[in-house]
Amino acid sequence: MSRNLMIPVLASAVFIPSLTNADTITVCANGCDYTSINDAIDASSNGDVIQLAAETYFEGEQIDTDGKAITLRGVVNKAGEPASVLDGASDHRVLRCNSDETDATSFENLVIQNGSDDVGGGMFNEGSSPILTNCTFTNNSADEDGGGMYNLESSSPALTRCTF
């Protein structure tokens, strides 16, 4: 006598945790992880958020994301307006993306002011297309083109609720 035995087969899913752990890195004048935005960028990894306080930041040089897929996020006031200010002191460009940044690099809730350069005093993008949300460009200048922002070589940043 022959019996057909049914042996249950258990299927198990193997879950592999993400190998990237996004960190939040804080920047402010006192009591944060860093006092310099550029130092925080240097220490960051793809996916990290650099959280700025409601302060005015004078870096002394342009802020460059170095091709990293990070978020540079400021805070807003009660009216929803950016309260984190990146200031070029009328001495240098404020922001630069020229290392193939994509929409994985973003800037949120920032005032970009008093930038100055030949082109793109506020922000210069070369071959890069970051996302900017709720950013205000004010009092930026350029000797040639793009006082607020200059885009070169297929740069196409996505701007949402930004004012110039």
N, C-alpha and C. Protein backbone atom coordinates (compact mmCIF):
# COMPACT_ATOMS: atom_id res chain seq x y z
N MET A 1 0.83 -1.15 0.00
CA MET A 1 0.00 0.00 0.00
C MET A 1 0.89 1.24 0.00
N SER A 2 0.58 2.09 -0.87
CA SER A 2 1.39 3.28 -1.03
C SER A 2 0.61 4.50 -0.55
N ARG A 3 1.30 5.31 0.14
CA ARG A 3 0.68 6.56 0.62
C ARG A 3 1.41 7.75 0.05
N ASN A 4 0.64 8.70 -0.36
CA ASN A 4 1.24 9.97 -0.77
C ASN A 4 1.27 10.89 0.44
N LEU A 5 2.42 11.19 0.84
CA LEU A 5 2.58 12.09 1.98
C LEU A 5 2.79 13.50 1.47
N MET A 6 2.04 14.38 2.03
CA MET A 6 2.24 15.78 1.68
C MET A 6 3.13 16.41 2.74
N ILE A 7 4.21 16.87 2.29
CA ILE A 7 5.15 17.52 3.20
C ILE A 7 5.01 19.01 3.00
N PRO A 8 4.60 19.71 4.02
CA PRO A 8 4.44 21.16 3.85
C PRO A 8 5.80 21.82 3.62
N VAL A 9 5.80 22.73 2.70
CA VAL A 9 7.00 23.49 2.40
C VAL A 9 6.77 24.91 2.93
N LEU A 10 7.65 25.32 3.75
CA LEU A 10 7.55 26.67 4.31
C LEU A 10 8.43 27.60 3.50
N ALA A 11 7.79 28.58 2.99
CA ALA A 11 8.54 29.60 2.28
C ALA A 11 8.87 30.70 3.26
N SER A 12 10.08 31.06 3.26
CA SER A 12 10.45 32.14 4.18
C SER A 12 11.08 33.26 3.38
N ALA A 13 10.71 34.42 3.76
CA ALA A 13 11.30 35.59 3.12
C ALA A 13 12.51 36.01 3.92
N VAL A 14 13.51 36.35 3.24
CA VAL A 14 14.71 36.82 3.89
C VAL A 14 14.72 38.34 3.77
N PHE A 15 14.76 38.99 4.89
CA PHE A 15 14.79 40.44 4.90
C PHE A 15 16.21 40.89 5.21
N ILE A 16 16.72 41.67 4.32
CA ILE A 16 18.06 42.20 4.51
C ILE A 16 17.91 43.67 4.86
N PRO A 17 18.36 44.04 6.01
CA PRO A 17 18.22 45.45 6.39
C PRO A 17 19.03 46.33 5.45
N SER A 18 18.56 47.55 5.28
CA SER A 18 19.24 48.51 4.44
C SER A 18 20.65 48.73 4.97
N LEU A 19 21.57 48.80 4.07
CA LEU A 19 22.96 48.99 4.46
C LEU A 19 23.27 50.45 4.73
N THR A 20 22.35 51.32 4.38
CA THR A 20 22.59 52.74 4.63
C THR A 20 21.70 53.21 5.77
N ASN A 21 22.29 53.87 6.68
CA ASN A 21 21.56 54.46 7.79
C ASN A 21 21.69 55.96 7.67
N ALA A 22 20.61 56.61 7.32
CA ALA A 22 20.65 58.06 7.20
C ALA A 22 20.76 58.68 8.58
N ASP A 23 21.64 59.63 8.69
CA ASP A 23 21.83 60.36 9.94
C ASP A 23 21.34 61.78 9.77
N THR A 24 21.00 62.40 10.89
CA THR A 24 20.74 63.83 10.91
C THR A 24 21.91 64.48 11.61
N ILE A 25 22.55 65.38 10.91
CA ILE A 25 23.72 66.10 11.41
C ILE A 25 23.27 67.53 11.67
N THR A 26 23.48 68.02 12.88
CA THR A 26 23.03 69.37 13.22
C THR A 26 24.17 70.38 13.11
N VAL A 27 23.78 71.60 12.69
CA VAL A 27 24.74 72.69 12.55
C VAL A 27 24.14 73.93 13.20
N CYS A 28 24.89 74.52 14.11
CA CYS A 28 24.49 75.78 14.74
C CYS A 28 25.72 76.40 15.40
N ALA A 29 25.57 77.59 15.93
CA ALA A 29 26.69 78.31 16.52
C ALA A 29 27.23 77.64 17.77
N ASN A 30 26.34 76.95 18.50
CA ASN A 30 26.78 76.37 19.78
C ASN A 30 25.89 75.20 20.15
N GLY A 31 26.49 74.07 20.52
CA GLY A 31 25.74 72.94 21.04
C GLY A 31 25.26 71.93 20.00
N CYS A 32 25.72 72.04 18.76
CA CYS A 32 25.32 71.11 17.70
C CYS A 32 26.51 70.23 17.32
N ASP A 33 26.29 69.34 16.36
CA ASP A 33 27.37 68.48 15.89
C ASP A 33 28.50 69.29 15.25
N TYR A 34 28.13 70.33 14.49
CA TYR A 34 29.11 71.16 13.78
C TYR A 34 28.70 72.63 13.85
N THR A 35 29.69 73.51 13.69
CA THR A 35 29.42 74.94 13.57
C THR A 35 29.55 75.39 12.11
N SER A 36 30.10 74.54 11.25
CA SER A 36 30.30 74.86 9.84
C SER A 36 29.48 73.92 8.96
N ILE A 37 28.77 74.49 7.99
CA ILE A 37 27.99 73.68 7.06
C ILE A 37 28.92 72.82 6.21
N ASN A 38 30.01 73.41 5.71
CA ASN A 38 30.94 72.64 4.88
C ASN A 38 31.57 71.49 5.66
N ASP A 39 31.88 71.69 6.93
CA ASP A 39 32.41 70.58 7.73
C ASP A 39 31.37 69.47 7.89
N ALA A 40 30.11 69.86 8.07
CA ALA A 40 29.03 68.86 8.17
C ALA A 40 28.88 68.10 6.86
N ILE A 41 28.98 68.79 5.73
CA ILE A 41 28.91 68.12 4.43
C ILE A 41 30.07 67.14 4.28
N ASP A 42 31.28 67.57 4.65
CA ASP A 42 32.44 66.69 4.56
C ASP A 42 32.24 65.41 5.37
N ALA A 43 31.57 65.51 6.51
CA ALA A 43 31.36 64.36 7.40
C ALA A 43 30.13 63.53 7.00
N SER A 44 29.32 64.03 6.08
CA SER A 44 28.07 63.37 5.74
C SER A 44 28.26 62.24 4.74
N SER A 45 27.24 61.40 4.67
CA SER A 45 27.17 60.31 3.69
C SER A 45 25.87 60.47 2.92
N ASN A 46 25.80 59.81 1.78
CA ASN A 46 24.57 59.86 1.00
C ASN A 46 23.37 59.48 1.85
N GLY A 47 22.30 60.25 1.72
CA GLY A 47 21.07 60.01 2.47
C GLY A 47 20.97 60.82 3.76
N ASP A 48 22.05 61.41 4.21
CA ASP A 48 22.02 62.18 5.45
C ASP A 48 21.27 63.50 5.28
N VAL A 49 20.76 63.99 6.40
CA VAL A 49 20.12 65.30 6.46
C VAL A 49 21.01 66.20 7.32
N ILE A 50 21.34 67.35 6.79
CA ILE A 50 22.07 68.36 7.56
C ILE A 50 21.04 69.39 7.99
N GLN A 51 20.75 69.41 9.29
CA GLN A 51 19.71 70.27 9.85
C GLN A 51 20.34 71.54 10.40
N LEU A 52 19.91 72.68 9.87
CA LEU A 52 20.41 73.98 10.32
C LEU A 52 19.44 74.60 11.31
N ALA A 53 19.98 75.38 12.22
CA ALA A 53 19.17 76.14 13.16
C ALA A 53 18.71 77.44 12.49
N ALA A 54 17.88 78.18 13.18
CA ALA A 54 17.41 79.48 12.70
C ALA A 54 18.47 80.52 13.01
N GLU A 55 19.50 80.53 12.17
CA GLU A 55 20.63 81.44 12.34
C GLU A 55 21.09 81.93 10.98
N THR A 56 22.01 82.87 10.99
CA THR A 56 22.67 83.31 9.77
C THR A 56 24.06 82.68 9.75
N TYR A 57 24.38 82.02 8.64
CA TYR A 57 25.64 81.29 8.51
C TYR A 57 26.54 82.02 7.52
N PHE A 58 27.73 82.38 7.99
CA PHE A 58 28.77 82.98 7.16
C PHE A 58 29.89 81.94 7.08
N GLU A 59 29.94 81.20 5.99
CA GLU A 59 30.94 80.13 5.86
C GLU A 59 32.32 80.67 5.51
N GLY A 60 32.39 81.83 4.88
CA GLY A 60 33.68 82.35 4.46
C GLY A 60 34.11 81.81 3.11
N GLU A 61 33.35 80.87 2.57
CA GLU A 61 33.57 80.31 1.24
C GLU A 61 32.26 79.68 0.78
N GLN A 62 32.18 79.34 -0.50
CA GLN A 62 30.94 78.75 -1.01
C GLN A 62 30.66 77.41 -0.35
N ILE A 63 29.39 77.07 -0.27
CA ILE A 63 28.95 75.78 0.27
C ILE A 63 28.82 74.84 -0.92
N ASP A 64 29.56 73.73 -0.89
CA ASP A 64 29.62 72.78 -2.00
C ASP A 64 29.22 71.40 -1.48
N THR A 65 28.20 70.81 -2.09
CA THR A 65 27.72 69.49 -1.63
C THR A 65 28.61 68.34 -2.08
N ASP A 66 29.62 68.61 -2.89
CA ASP A 66 30.60 67.60 -3.30
C ASP A 66 29.98 66.36 -3.93
N GLY A 67 28.86 66.52 -4.62
CA GLY A 67 28.23 65.39 -5.30
C GLY A 67 27.47 64.45 -4.39
N LYS A 68 27.32 64.81 -3.14
CA LYS A 68 26.64 63.92 -2.19
C LYS A 68 25.12 64.05 -2.31
N ALA A 69 24.44 62.94 -2.14
CA ALA A 69 22.98 62.89 -2.15
C ALA A 69 22.50 63.16 -0.73
N ILE A 70 22.49 64.43 -0.35
CA ILE A 70 22.13 64.84 1.00
C ILE A 70 21.05 65.90 0.94
N THR A 71 20.46 66.17 2.09
CA THR A 71 19.50 67.26 2.23
C THR A 71 20.07 68.30 3.16
N LEU A 72 20.12 69.54 2.70
CA LEU A 72 20.50 70.66 3.54
C LEU A 72 19.20 71.37 3.90
N ARG A 73 18.78 71.23 5.15
CA ARG A 73 17.45 71.68 5.56
C ARG A 73 17.53 72.76 6.63
N GLY A 74 16.90 73.88 6.35
CA GLY A 74 16.75 74.93 7.33
C GLY A 74 15.42 74.79 8.05
N VAL A 75 15.14 75.74 8.92
CA VAL A 75 13.87 75.75 9.65
C VAL A 75 13.04 76.93 9.15
N VAL A 76 11.77 76.92 9.48
CA VAL A 76 10.87 78.00 9.10
C VAL A 76 10.36 78.72 10.34
N ASN A 77 9.95 79.97 10.15
CA ASN A 77 9.34 80.72 11.23
C ASN A 77 7.84 80.38 11.29
N LYS A 78 7.11 81.06 12.16
CA LYS A 78 5.68 80.77 12.33
C LYS A 78 4.88 81.02 11.05
N ALA A 79 5.36 81.89 10.19
CA ALA A 79 4.67 82.19 8.94
C ALA A 79 5.04 81.21 7.82
N GLY A 80 5.91 80.25 8.13
CA GLY A 80 6.32 79.27 7.13
C GLY A 80 7.45 79.75 6.23
N GLU A 81 8.05 80.88 6.58
CA GLU A 81 9.15 81.43 5.79
C GLU A 81 10.48 80.90 6.30
N PRO A 82 11.46 80.72 5.41
CA PRO A 82 12.77 80.22 5.85
C PRO A 82 13.40 81.12 6.91
N ALA A 83 13.96 80.49 7.93
CA ALA A 83 14.61 81.24 9.02
C ALA A 83 16.09 80.87 9.15
N SER A 84 16.58 80.03 8.25
CA SER A 84 18.00 79.68 8.21
C SER A 84 18.60 80.40 7.01
N VAL A 85 19.60 81.24 7.27
CA VAL A 85 20.13 82.14 6.25
C VAL A 85 21.57 81.75 5.92
N LEU A 86 21.83 81.54 4.61
CA LEU A 86 23.18 81.31 4.11
C LEU A 86 23.64 82.61 3.48
N ASP A 87 24.68 83.22 4.03
CA ASP A 87 25.07 84.57 3.63
C ASP A 87 26.49 84.57 3.05
N GLY A 88 26.60 85.05 1.83
CA GLY A 88 27.91 85.15 1.17
C GLY A 88 28.67 86.41 1.50
N ALA A 89 28.12 87.27 2.34
CA ALA A 89 28.77 88.51 2.79
C ALA A 89 29.25 89.37 1.63
N SER A 90 28.60 89.25 0.46
CA SER A 90 28.97 89.98 -0.76
C SER A 90 30.43 89.74 -1.14
N ASP A 91 30.97 88.60 -0.69
CA ASP A 91 32.38 88.28 -0.89
C ASP A 91 32.58 87.05 -1.77
N HIS A 92 31.59 86.14 -1.81
CA HIS A 92 31.73 84.90 -2.56
C HIS A 92 30.35 84.32 -2.89
N ARG A 93 30.33 83.35 -3.78
CA ARG A 93 29.11 82.63 -4.12
C ARG A 93 28.63 81.89 -2.87
N VAL A 94 27.31 81.67 -2.77
CA VAL A 94 26.76 80.99 -1.60
C VAL A 94 26.75 79.47 -1.79
N LEU A 95 26.12 78.96 -2.85
CA LEU A 95 25.98 77.51 -3.07
C LEU A 95 26.55 77.09 -4.41
N ARG A 96 27.10 75.87 -4.44
CA ARG A 96 27.63 75.31 -5.69
C ARG A 96 27.32 73.82 -5.76
N CYS A 97 26.76 73.40 -6.92
CA CYS A 97 26.57 71.98 -7.23
C CYS A 97 27.19 71.75 -8.61
N ASN A 98 28.31 71.06 -8.65
CA ASN A 98 28.96 70.82 -9.94
C ASN A 98 29.59 69.42 -9.99
N SER A 99 29.03 68.50 -9.24
CA SER A 99 29.55 67.13 -9.21
C SER A 99 28.46 66.13 -9.52
N ASP A 100 27.67 66.44 -10.55
CA ASP A 100 26.59 65.55 -11.01
C ASP A 100 25.52 65.30 -9.96
N GLU A 101 25.23 66.30 -9.12
CA GLU A 101 24.14 66.16 -8.15
C GLU A 101 22.83 65.94 -8.91
N THR A 102 21.98 65.09 -8.34
CA THR A 102 20.68 64.77 -8.93
C THR A 102 19.59 65.25 -7.98
N ASP A 103 18.36 64.77 -8.23
CA ASP A 103 17.26 65.12 -7.34
C ASP A 103 17.39 64.45 -5.97
N ALA A 104 18.42 63.67 -5.76
CA ALA A 104 18.70 63.11 -4.44
C ALA A 104 19.42 64.12 -3.55
N THR A 105 19.84 65.24 -4.13
CA THR A 105 20.44 66.34 -3.37
C THR A 105 19.39 67.44 -3.29
N SER A 106 19.09 67.86 -2.06
CA SER A 106 18.03 68.86 -1.93
C SER A 106 18.38 69.94 -0.91
N PHE A 107 17.76 71.08 -1.13
CA PHE A 107 17.91 72.24 -0.26
C PHE A 107 16.51 72.69 0.12
N GLU A 108 16.27 72.86 1.42
CA GLU A 108 14.92 73.18 1.89
C GLU A 108 14.96 74.31 2.92
N ASN A 109 14.00 75.21 2.83
CA ASN A 109 13.77 76.23 3.86
C ASN A 109 15.00 77.09 4.11
N LEU A 110 15.55 77.66 3.05
CA LEU A 110 16.77 78.45 3.17
C LEU A 110 16.60 79.83 2.55
N VAL A 111 17.26 80.81 3.16
CA VAL A 111 17.45 82.11 2.54
C VAL A 111 18.89 82.12 2.03
N ILE A 112 19.06 82.37 0.74
CA ILE A 112 20.38 82.41 0.12
C ILE A 112 20.61 83.86 -0.26
N GLN A 113 21.52 84.53 0.45
CA GLN A 113 21.64 85.98 0.28
C GLN A 113 23.08 86.45 0.20
N ASN A 114 23.22 87.63 -0.39
CA ASN A 114 24.49 88.35 -0.45
C ASN A 114 25.61 87.55 -1.10
N GLY A 115 25.26 86.70 -2.07
CA GLY A 115 26.28 85.98 -2.82
C GLY A 115 26.80 86.83 -3.96
N SER A 116 28.05 86.63 -4.31
CA SER A 116 28.66 87.41 -5.38
C SER A 116 29.72 86.58 -6.10
N ASP A 117 29.65 86.60 -7.45
CA ASP A 117 30.64 85.89 -8.25
C ASP A 117 30.52 86.37 -9.69
N ASP A 118 31.33 85.85 -10.59
CA ASP A 118 31.19 86.19 -12.00
C ASP A 118 29.86 85.71 -12.54
N VAL A 119 29.49 84.46 -12.23
CA VAL A 119 28.19 83.89 -12.61
C VAL A 119 27.62 83.15 -11.41
N GLY A 120 26.31 83.21 -11.24
CA GLY A 120 25.66 82.47 -10.17
C GLY A 120 26.08 82.90 -8.78
N GLY A 121 25.84 84.13 -8.44
CA GLY A 121 26.22 84.62 -7.11
C GLY A 121 25.52 83.89 -5.98
N GLY A 122 24.22 83.61 -6.16
CA GLY A 122 23.49 82.87 -5.14
C GLY A 122 23.76 81.38 -5.21
N MET A 123 23.64 80.82 -6.44
CA MET A 123 23.86 79.38 -6.63
C MET A 123 24.35 79.14 -8.04
N PHE A 124 25.33 78.25 -8.15
CA PHE A 124 25.89 77.85 -9.44
C PHE A 124 25.71 76.35 -9.59
N ASN A 125 25.04 75.94 -10.67
CA ASN A 125 24.86 74.52 -10.97
C ASN A 125 25.52 74.21 -12.31
N GLU A 126 26.40 73.22 -12.32
CA GLU A 126 27.03 72.78 -13.55
C GLU A 126 26.86 71.27 -13.67
N GLY A 127 26.06 70.85 -14.65
CA GLY A 127 25.80 69.42 -14.84
C GLY A 127 25.09 68.80 -13.66
N SER A 128 24.35 69.59 -12.93
CA SER A 128 23.68 69.13 -11.70
C SER A 128 22.24 69.62 -11.66
N SER A 129 21.38 68.80 -11.08
CA SER A 129 19.95 69.13 -11.01
C SER A 129 19.37 68.80 -9.64
N PRO A 130 19.75 69.58 -8.62
CA PRO A 130 19.20 69.35 -7.29
C PRO A 130 17.76 69.84 -7.17
N ILE A 131 17.15 69.57 -6.05
CA ILE A 131 15.80 70.05 -5.74
C ILE A 131 15.92 71.18 -4.72
N LEU A 132 15.20 72.27 -4.96
CA LEU A 132 15.13 73.36 -4.00
C LEU A 132 13.67 73.61 -3.66
N THR A 133 13.37 73.62 -2.36
CA THR A 133 12.00 73.81 -1.88
C THR A 133 11.97 74.91 -0.83
N ASN A 134 11.08 75.86 -1.01
CA ASN A 134 10.88 76.95 -0.05
C ASN A 134 12.17 77.70 0.24
N CYS A 135 12.86 78.10 -0.83
CA CYS A 135 14.09 78.86 -0.70
C CYS A 135 13.88 80.26 -1.25
N THR A 136 14.51 81.23 -0.60
CA THR A 136 14.43 82.62 -1.02
C THR A 136 15.82 83.10 -1.39
N PHE A 137 15.96 83.60 -2.62
CA PHE A 137 17.21 84.16 -3.10
C PHE A 137 17.07 85.68 -3.07
N THR A 138 17.96 86.34 -2.35
CA THR A 138 17.84 87.78 -2.23
C THR A 138 19.22 88.45 -2.18
N ASN A 139 19.31 89.59 -2.84
CA ASN A 139 20.50 90.43 -2.81
C ASN A 139 21.77 89.69 -3.26
N ASN A 140 21.64 88.81 -4.27
CA ASN A 140 22.79 88.14 -4.86
C ASN A 140 23.17 88.86 -6.14
N SER A 141 24.45 88.81 -6.51
CA SER A 141 24.89 89.51 -7.71
C SER A 141 25.91 88.68 -8.49
N ALA A 142 25.99 88.99 -9.78
CA ALA A 142 26.97 88.36 -10.66
C ALA A 142 27.50 89.41 -11.63
N ASP A 143 28.79 89.36 -11.90
CA ASP A 143 29.39 90.31 -12.84
C ASP A 143 28.89 90.06 -14.26
N GLU A 144 28.59 88.79 -14.58
CA GLU A 144 28.17 88.46 -15.95
C GLU A 144 26.72 87.99 -16.00
N ASP A 145 26.41 86.82 -15.45
CA ASP A 145 25.07 86.24 -15.57
C ASP A 145 24.63 85.56 -14.28
N GLY A 146 23.31 85.53 -14.08
CA GLY A 146 22.71 84.73 -13.02
C GLY A 146 23.02 85.19 -11.62
N GLY A 147 22.61 86.38 -11.28
CA GLY A 147 22.83 86.85 -9.91
C GLY A 147 22.28 85.88 -8.88
N GLY A 148 21.02 85.47 -9.05
CA GLY A 148 20.41 84.54 -8.11
C GLY A 148 20.88 83.12 -8.31
N MET A 149 20.78 82.64 -9.58
CA MET A 149 21.16 81.26 -9.89
C MET A 149 21.63 81.20 -11.34
N TYR A 150 22.66 80.40 -11.58
CA TYR A 150 23.16 80.18 -12.93
C TYR A 150 23.24 78.68 -13.17
N ASN A 151 22.67 78.21 -14.29
CA ASN A 151 22.65 76.78 -14.62
C ASN A 151 23.40 76.57 -15.92
N LEU A 152 24.34 75.64 -15.90
CA LEU A 152 25.22 75.37 -17.03
C LEU A 152 25.25 73.88 -17.32
N GLU A 153 25.48 73.52 -18.57
CA GLU A 153 25.67 72.13 -19.00
C GLU A 153 24.56 71.20 -18.53
N SER A 154 23.38 71.41 -19.05
CA SER A 154 22.21 70.54 -18.81
C SER A 154 21.73 70.53 -17.37
N SER A 155 22.10 71.51 -16.60
CA SER A 155 21.57 71.60 -15.23
C SER A 155 20.10 71.98 -15.31
N SER A 156 19.30 71.31 -14.50
CA SER A 156 17.87 71.58 -14.49
C SER A 156 17.33 71.38 -13.08
N PRO A 157 17.65 72.29 -12.17
CA PRO A 157 17.16 72.12 -10.80
C PRO A 157 15.63 72.24 -10.75
N ALA A 158 15.03 71.50 -9.85
CA ALA A 158 13.58 71.58 -9.64
C ALA A 158 13.33 72.58 -8.51
N LEU A 159 12.56 73.62 -8.80
CA LEU A 159 12.27 74.67 -7.82
C LEU A 159 10.80 74.64 -7.45
N THR A 160 10.52 74.55 -6.16
CA THR A 160 9.16 74.57 -5.64
C THR A 160 9.09 75.63 -4.55
N ARG A 161 8.15 76.56 -4.68
CA ARG A 161 7.93 77.64 -3.72
C ARG A 161 9.23 78.41 -3.43
N CYS A 162 10.00 78.69 -4.47
CA CYS A 162 11.22 79.49 -4.33
C CYS A 162 10.96 80.87 -4.90
N THR A 163 11.56 81.87 -4.28
CA THR A 163 11.42 83.24 -4.77
C THR A 163 12.80 83.83 -5.04
N PHE A 164 12.81 84.69 -6.06
CA PHE A 164 14.04 85.37 -6.44
C PHE A 164 13.79 86.86 -6.43
